[in-house]
Amino acid sequence: MEGKPLALAVLFSGIFAIALGVLILHAASAPPPTPKRPEPPPPPSAMINSDMRFSVIYYKGLIESDAKSYGIPAPPYEDMCQPNPYFDELHEKQHLRIKSPIETRHLRITLEVSKQTTMIESHSLSTDHYVLRIENRTPLYLAYRIQTTITEKGKCALKAELPHNAIAIEPEQTILRTECLYRKDAKIEITHIEVIELPAISAFYVSRVPPNSTLYDPRTSAGHTPPRGTMCPQTFSWRDIKEGIDKKELGWRDVIDFYARHNCTEYSFFKSYRYRGDPGAQLPARALD
């Protein structure tokens, strides 16, 4: 009888060994687990919004596409990298007299009086206005800023607004803007005249920038109308720009120079950007530069 338990133990040990072997053999011959599916690539828009958008190839393609939509020849990439000549054309403020032009290297500026239609208390009224005639004396596209002051500025709130490009002027073009309702005792002075010579595409680019009160007087820029495209989306901080101007770290020419080189739908001004005088600086510019 003593041999029976031993035989059973040997039998069960054999069965266990066979089962274990079968399991090991099955595990060795089973296919490996299905690998995890790879993550899908980012959508094209995400790639464009990253490094691709700041590549020279993408930038060149954008210039060509924009030029075609504006109906002008696409400038070479090297031309977009060239310095945009800047001129401060007024060294002291000047009093504006009616029909007495002030001429600078690029512009002829004349104060006139003409009737314009404005709305006063829901009524249309044709009344005399001070109108500034701005003539481009050159065959060049120009960005310009002409700042004026007038006595009792508050009395200009109801003046008419003439649609005009408050930021850029085309070759030999004349632009009219209203200064105020006519008052015989008003005194108007020019305090600043700044000009930047631009390629054609750059003039259309800068014209899409909203003439914010940080850089432009709403009294004279409210009629701003871009000749091509729509106004830029608000993608940068005017507060940063104002702080830079207040600290004399930034100026009009820095902001205009940036947008003369960049489509505002694709690129945003950053506060470390400065007017570029180096034709070897790569475009597009980015905050890491």
Protein backbone atom coordinates (compact mmCIF):
# COMPACT_ATOMS: atom_id res chain seq x y z
CA MET A 1 0.00 0.00 0.00
CA GLU A 2 2.94 2.29 0.71
CA GLY A 3 3.90 2.23 -3.00
CA LYS A 4 0.50 3.56 -4.14
CA PRO A 5 0.85 7.13 -2.80
CA LEU A 6 4.33 7.30 -4.28
CA ALA A 7 3.07 6.17 -7.67
CA LEU A 8 0.30 8.78 -7.56
CA ALA A 9 2.82 11.49 -6.69
CA VAL A 10 5.02 10.49 -9.59
CA LEU A 11 1.97 10.43 -11.90
CA PHE A 12 0.79 13.93 -10.88
CA SER A 13 4.33 15.28 -11.15
CA GLY A 14 4.53 13.94 -14.68
CA ILE A 15 1.18 15.46 -15.64
CA PHE A 16 2.24 18.87 -14.18
CA ALA A 17 5.52 18.75 -16.06
CA ILE A 18 3.75 17.93 -19.34
CA ALA A 19 1.21 20.77 -18.82
CA LEU A 20 3.97 23.24 -17.98
CA GLY A 21 5.88 22.24 -21.09
CA VAL A 22 2.80 22.67 -23.25
CA LEU A 23 2.24 26.17 -21.82
CA ILE A 24 5.87 27.18 -22.43
CA LEU A 25 5.77 25.81 -25.95
CA HIS A 26 2.51 27.66 -26.67
CA ALA A 27 3.89 30.90 -25.30
CA ALA A 28 7.02 30.58 -27.41
CA SER A 29 5.07 29.87 -30.59
CA ALA A 30 2.30 32.50 -30.04
CA PRO A 31 2.48 35.68 -32.18
CA PRO A 32 3.80 38.78 -30.40
CA PRO A 33 1.25 41.30 -29.06
CA THR A 34 -0.10 43.79 -31.56
CA PRO A 35 2.10 46.90 -31.47
CA LYS A 36 0.55 50.25 -30.48
CA ARG A 37 -0.68 52.20 -33.46
CA PRO A 38 1.62 55.15 -34.24
CA GLU A 39 0.33 58.64 -33.49
CA PRO A 40 -0.99 60.40 -36.61
CA PRO A 41 1.18 63.25 -37.94
CA PRO A 42 0.14 66.78 -36.95
CA PRO A 43 -2.25 68.47 -39.37
CA PRO A 44 -0.66 70.71 -42.01
CA SER A 45 -1.94 73.83 -40.25
CA ALA A 46 -0.06 72.92 -37.09
CA MET A 47 3.13 72.40 -39.06
CA ILE A 48 2.66 75.71 -40.83
CA ASN A 49 2.19 77.41 -37.48
CA SER A 50 5.54 76.09 -36.29
CA ASP A 51 8.97 75.96 -37.87
CA MET A 52 7.76 75.58 -41.45
CA ARG A 53 6.17 79.03 -41.40
CA PHE A 54 9.54 80.54 -40.52
CA SER A 55 11.44 78.79 -43.29
CA VAL A 56 12.83 80.76 -46.22
CA ILE A 57 11.05 78.43 -48.67
CA TYR A 58 7.64 79.09 -47.12
CA TYR A 59 8.35 82.83 -46.95
CA LYS A 60 9.31 82.97 -50.64
CA GLY A 61 6.15 81.09 -51.60
CA LEU A 62 4.06 83.53 -49.57
CA ILE A 63 5.66 86.54 -51.28
CA GLU A 64 4.90 85.07 -54.71
CA SER A 65 1.30 84.25 -53.75
CA ASP A 66 0.66 87.68 -52.23
CA ALA A 67 2.19 89.51 -55.17
CA LYS A 68 -0.08 87.59 -57.54
CA SER A 69 -3.16 88.46 -55.47
CA TYR A 70 -2.12 92.16 -55.47
CA GLY A 71 -1.57 92.11 -59.24
CA ILE A 72 2.10 93.11 -59.05
CA PRO A 73 5.41 91.37 -59.90
CA ALA A 74 6.87 89.33 -57.05
CA PRO A 75 10.08 90.89 -55.73
CA PRO A 76 13.17 88.69 -55.32
CA TYR A 77 13.82 87.46 -51.79
CA GLU A 78 17.06 89.47 -51.74
CA ASP A 79 15.09 92.70 -52.36
CA MET A 80 12.86 92.03 -49.35
CA CYS A 81 16.00 91.74 -47.21
CA GLN A 82 17.40 95.10 -48.29
CA PRO A 83 17.21 98.06 -45.87
CA ASN A 84 14.13 100.24 -46.40
CA PRO A 85 15.48 103.84 -46.57
CA TYR A 86 14.08 105.95 -43.72
CA PHE A 87 13.82 109.76 -43.65
CA ASP A 88 12.87 112.17 -40.89
CA GLU A 89 11.80 115.11 -43.07
CA LEU A 90 10.80 117.74 -40.52
CA HIS A 91 13.30 119.13 -38.05
CA GLU A 92 11.00 121.67 -36.39
CA LYS A 93 7.26 122.14 -36.36
CA GLN A 94 5.74 124.37 -39.03
CA HIS A 95 2.56 126.40 -39.13
CA LEU A 96 0.23 125.40 -41.97
CA ARG A 97 -1.30 128.21 -43.98
CA ILE A 98 -4.07 127.71 -46.52
CA LYS A 99 -2.72 127.05 -50.03
CA SER A 100 0.90 127.50 -48.90
CA PRO A 101 2.56 124.14 -49.65
CA ILE A 102 5.35 122.62 -47.59
CA GLU A 103 7.71 120.50 -49.65
CA THR A 104 10.07 117.80 -48.44
CA ARG A 105 12.31 115.41 -50.31
CA HIS A 106 9.36 113.08 -50.97
CA LEU A 107 6.12 114.95 -50.27
CA ARG A 108 4.21 118.14 -51.00
CA ILE A 109 1.74 119.01 -48.24
CA THR A 110 -0.95 121.66 -48.68
CA LEU A 111 -3.74 122.84 -46.39
CA GLU A 112 -6.99 123.54 -48.23
CA VAL A 113 -10.58 124.41 -47.38
CA SER A 114 -13.36 122.50 -49.12
CA LYS A 115 -16.93 121.43 -48.46
CA GLN A 116 -17.38 117.91 -47.12
CA THR A 117 -20.51 116.09 -46.04
CA THR A 118 -20.77 115.14 -42.38
CA MET A 119 -23.49 113.89 -40.05
CA ILE A 120 -24.62 116.19 -37.25
CA GLU A 121 -27.49 115.01 -35.01
CA SER A 122 -28.62 112.48 -37.65
CA HIS A 123 -28.69 115.16 -40.33
CA SER A 124 -26.44 115.26 -43.38
CA LEU A 125 -24.71 118.59 -43.65
CA SER A 126 -22.27 119.95 -46.23
CA THR A 127 -19.89 122.30 -44.52
CA ASP A 128 -16.37 123.70 -44.88
CA HIS A 129 -13.49 121.55 -43.68
CA TYR A 130 -9.77 121.86 -43.37
CA VAL A 131 -8.40 119.24 -45.78
CA LEU A 132 -4.76 118.19 -46.02
CA ARG A 133 -3.57 117.42 -49.55
CA ILE A 134 -0.62 114.98 -49.49
CA GLU A 135 1.22 114.48 -52.79
CA ASN A 136 3.92 111.92 -53.46
CA ARG A 137 6.53 113.76 -55.52
CA THR A 138 8.46 110.58 -56.34
CA PRO A 139 8.07 107.45 -58.53
CA LEU A 140 8.38 105.35 -55.36
CA TYR A 141 5.97 103.65 -52.96
CA LEU A 142 6.23 105.28 -49.54
CA ALA A 143 5.11 104.61 -46.01
CA TYR A 144 4.45 107.99 -44.41
CA ARG A 145 3.40 109.57 -41.15
CA ILE A 146 2.40 113.22 -41.02
CA GLN A 147 1.42 114.37 -37.55
CA THR A 148 -0.46 117.61 -37.03
CA THR A 149 -1.92 119.52 -34.10
CA ILE A 150 -4.86 121.90 -34.07
CA THR A 151 -6.19 124.28 -31.47
CA GLU A 152 -9.36 123.12 -29.69
CA LYS A 153 -9.04 119.60 -31.05
CA GLY A 154 -12.34 118.56 -29.44
CA LYS A 155 -14.23 120.64 -32.01
CA CYS A 156 -13.08 118.22 -34.73
CA ALA A 157 -15.12 115.27 -33.43
CA LEU A 158 -17.97 115.81 -35.90
CA LYS A 159 -15.86 116.30 -39.00
CA ALA A 160 -16.30 114.17 -42.13
CA GLU A 161 -13.95 111.24 -42.81
CA LEU A 162 -12.54 110.83 -46.30
CA PRO A 163 -11.57 107.24 -47.18
CA HIS A 164 -7.81 107.24 -47.74
CA ASN A 165 -4.66 105.24 -47.08
CA ALA A 166 -3.33 106.73 -43.83
CA ILE A 167 -0.15 104.61 -43.89
CA ALA A 168 1.23 104.36 -47.44
CA ILE A 169 1.09 106.35 -50.66
CA GLU A 170 1.66 105.12 -54.21
CA PRO A 171 3.99 106.72 -56.76
CA GLU A 172 2.90 110.28 -57.67
CA GLN A 173 -0.41 109.69 -55.88
CA THR A 174 -2.41 112.40 -54.09
CA ILE A 175 -4.19 111.63 -50.83
CA LEU A 176 -6.77 113.84 -49.12
CA ARG A 177 -7.59 113.68 -45.42
CA THR A 178 -9.74 115.93 -43.26
CA GLU A 179 -8.14 117.78 -40.36
CA CYS A 180 -11.16 119.49 -38.78
CA LEU A 181 -14.29 121.49 -39.41
CA TYR A 182 -13.29 124.91 -40.67
CA ARG A 183 -12.86 127.62 -38.05
CA LYS A 184 -11.38 130.97 -38.98
CA ASP A 185 -9.36 131.19 -35.76
CA ALA A 186 -7.96 127.61 -35.84
CA LYS A 187 -4.20 127.11 -35.88
CA ILE A 188 -2.82 123.95 -37.49
CA GLU A 189 0.83 122.89 -37.21
CA ILE A 190 2.83 119.98 -38.63
CA THR A 191 4.92 118.40 -35.90
CA HIS A 192 6.41 115.29 -37.61
CA ILE A 193 6.99 114.02 -41.14
CA GLU A 194 8.47 110.54 -41.50
CA VAL A 195 8.90 108.55 -44.70
CA ILE A 196 10.14 105.06 -45.61
CA GLU A 197 10.79 104.05 -49.22
CA LEU A 198 9.29 100.63 -49.94
CA PRO A 199 8.88 97.93 -52.59
CA ALA A 200 5.34 97.81 -53.97
CA ILE A 201 4.37 94.66 -52.07
CA SER A 202 5.61 96.21 -48.82
CA ALA A 203 3.35 99.24 -49.31
CA PHE A 204 0.36 96.92 -49.61
CA TYR A 205 1.54 94.94 -46.58
CA VAL A 206 1.85 97.95 -44.26
CA SER A 207 -1.46 99.37 -45.47
CA ARG A 208 -3.24 96.46 -43.79
CA VAL A 209 -1.95 97.42 -40.32
CA PRO A 210 -4.63 99.18 -38.24
CA PRO A 211 -3.57 102.82 -37.64
CA ASN A 212 -3.71 102.40 -33.86
CA SER A 213 -3.63 105.53 -31.69
CA THR A 214 -0.21 104.39 -30.42
CA LEU A 215 1.28 105.48 -33.75
CA TYR A 216 -1.43 107.54 -35.46
CA ASP A 217 -3.81 110.27 -34.36
CA PRO A 218 -7.40 108.95 -34.72
CA ARG A 219 -8.46 112.49 -35.70
CA THR A 220 -6.61 112.16 -39.01
CA SER A 221 -6.45 108.39 -39.56
CA ALA A 222 -10.05 107.33 -38.95
CA GLY A 223 -10.74 107.14 -42.69
CA HIS A 224 -7.97 104.62 -43.31
CA THR A 225 -8.82 102.11 -46.05
CA PRO A 226 -6.34 99.48 -47.29
CA PRO A 227 -6.09 99.50 -51.12
CA ARG A 228 -5.61 95.69 -51.15
CA GLY A 229 -6.79 93.01 -48.74
CA THR A 230 -8.43 93.49 -45.37
CA MET A 231 -7.22 94.99 -42.11
CA CYS A 232 -4.79 92.86 -40.08
CA PRO A 233 -6.09 90.69 -37.24
CA GLN A 234 -5.01 91.84 -33.78
CA THR A 235 -2.21 89.37 -33.04
CA PHE A 236 0.27 91.55 -31.17
CA SER A 237 0.22 93.86 -28.18
CA TRP A 238 -0.10 97.59 -28.80
CA ARG A 239 0.59 97.98 -25.08
CA ASP A 240 4.07 96.51 -25.57
CA ILE A 241 4.65 98.89 -28.45
CA LYS A 242 3.44 101.89 -26.43
CA GLU A 243 5.70 100.94 -23.53
CA GLY A 244 8.64 100.70 -25.94
CA ILE A 245 7.80 104.10 -27.42
CA ASP A 246 7.41 105.68 -23.98
CA LYS A 247 10.85 104.31 -23.05
CA LYS A 248 12.24 105.50 -26.42
CA GLU A 249 13.16 101.90 -27.24
CA LEU A 250 10.74 101.58 -30.19
CA GLY A 251 9.46 103.88 -32.90
CA TRP A 252 7.14 104.14 -35.87
CA ARG A 253 9.83 102.98 -38.26
CA ASP A 254 10.41 99.73 -36.31
CA VAL A 255 6.77 98.65 -36.58
CA ILE A 256 6.45 99.73 -40.22
CA ASP A 257 9.73 98.07 -41.19
CA PHE A 258 8.54 94.76 -39.72
CA TYR A 259 5.22 94.79 -41.56
CA ALA A 260 6.88 96.00 -44.76
CA ARG A 261 8.59 92.58 -44.78
CA HIS A 262 5.84 90.36 -43.33
CA ASN A 263 2.26 89.47 -44.20
CA CYS A 264 0.33 90.41 -41.04
CA THR A 265 -1.95 87.38 -41.39
CA GLU A 266 1.04 85.07 -40.99
CA TYR A 267 3.47 86.96 -38.75
CA SER A 268 3.19 89.17 -35.66
CA PHE A 269 5.38 92.03 -34.54
CA PHE A 270 7.45 91.30 -31.44
CA LYS A 271 8.88 93.94 -29.14
CA SER A 272 12.53 93.01 -29.65
CA TYR A 273 12.31 93.70 -33.39
CA ARG A 274 14.16 96.79 -34.66
CA TYR A 275 14.42 98.57 -38.00
CA ARG A 276 16.80 96.49 -40.11
CA GLY A 277 19.87 97.89 -41.80
CA ASP A 278 21.57 94.55 -42.46
CA PRO A 279 20.71 93.04 -45.87
CA GLY A 280 22.15 89.73 -44.67
CA ALA A 281 19.54 89.30 -41.92
CA GLN A 282 17.30 86.34 -42.77
CA LEU A 283 13.57 86.63 -43.33
CA PRO A 284 11.08 85.97 -41.94
CA ALA A 285 12.16 87.47 -38.63
CA ARG A 286 11.24 85.70 -35.44
CA ALA A 287 11.57 86.47 -31.76
CA LEU A 288 14.42 83.96 -31.38
CA ASP A 289 16.63 85.93 -33.77
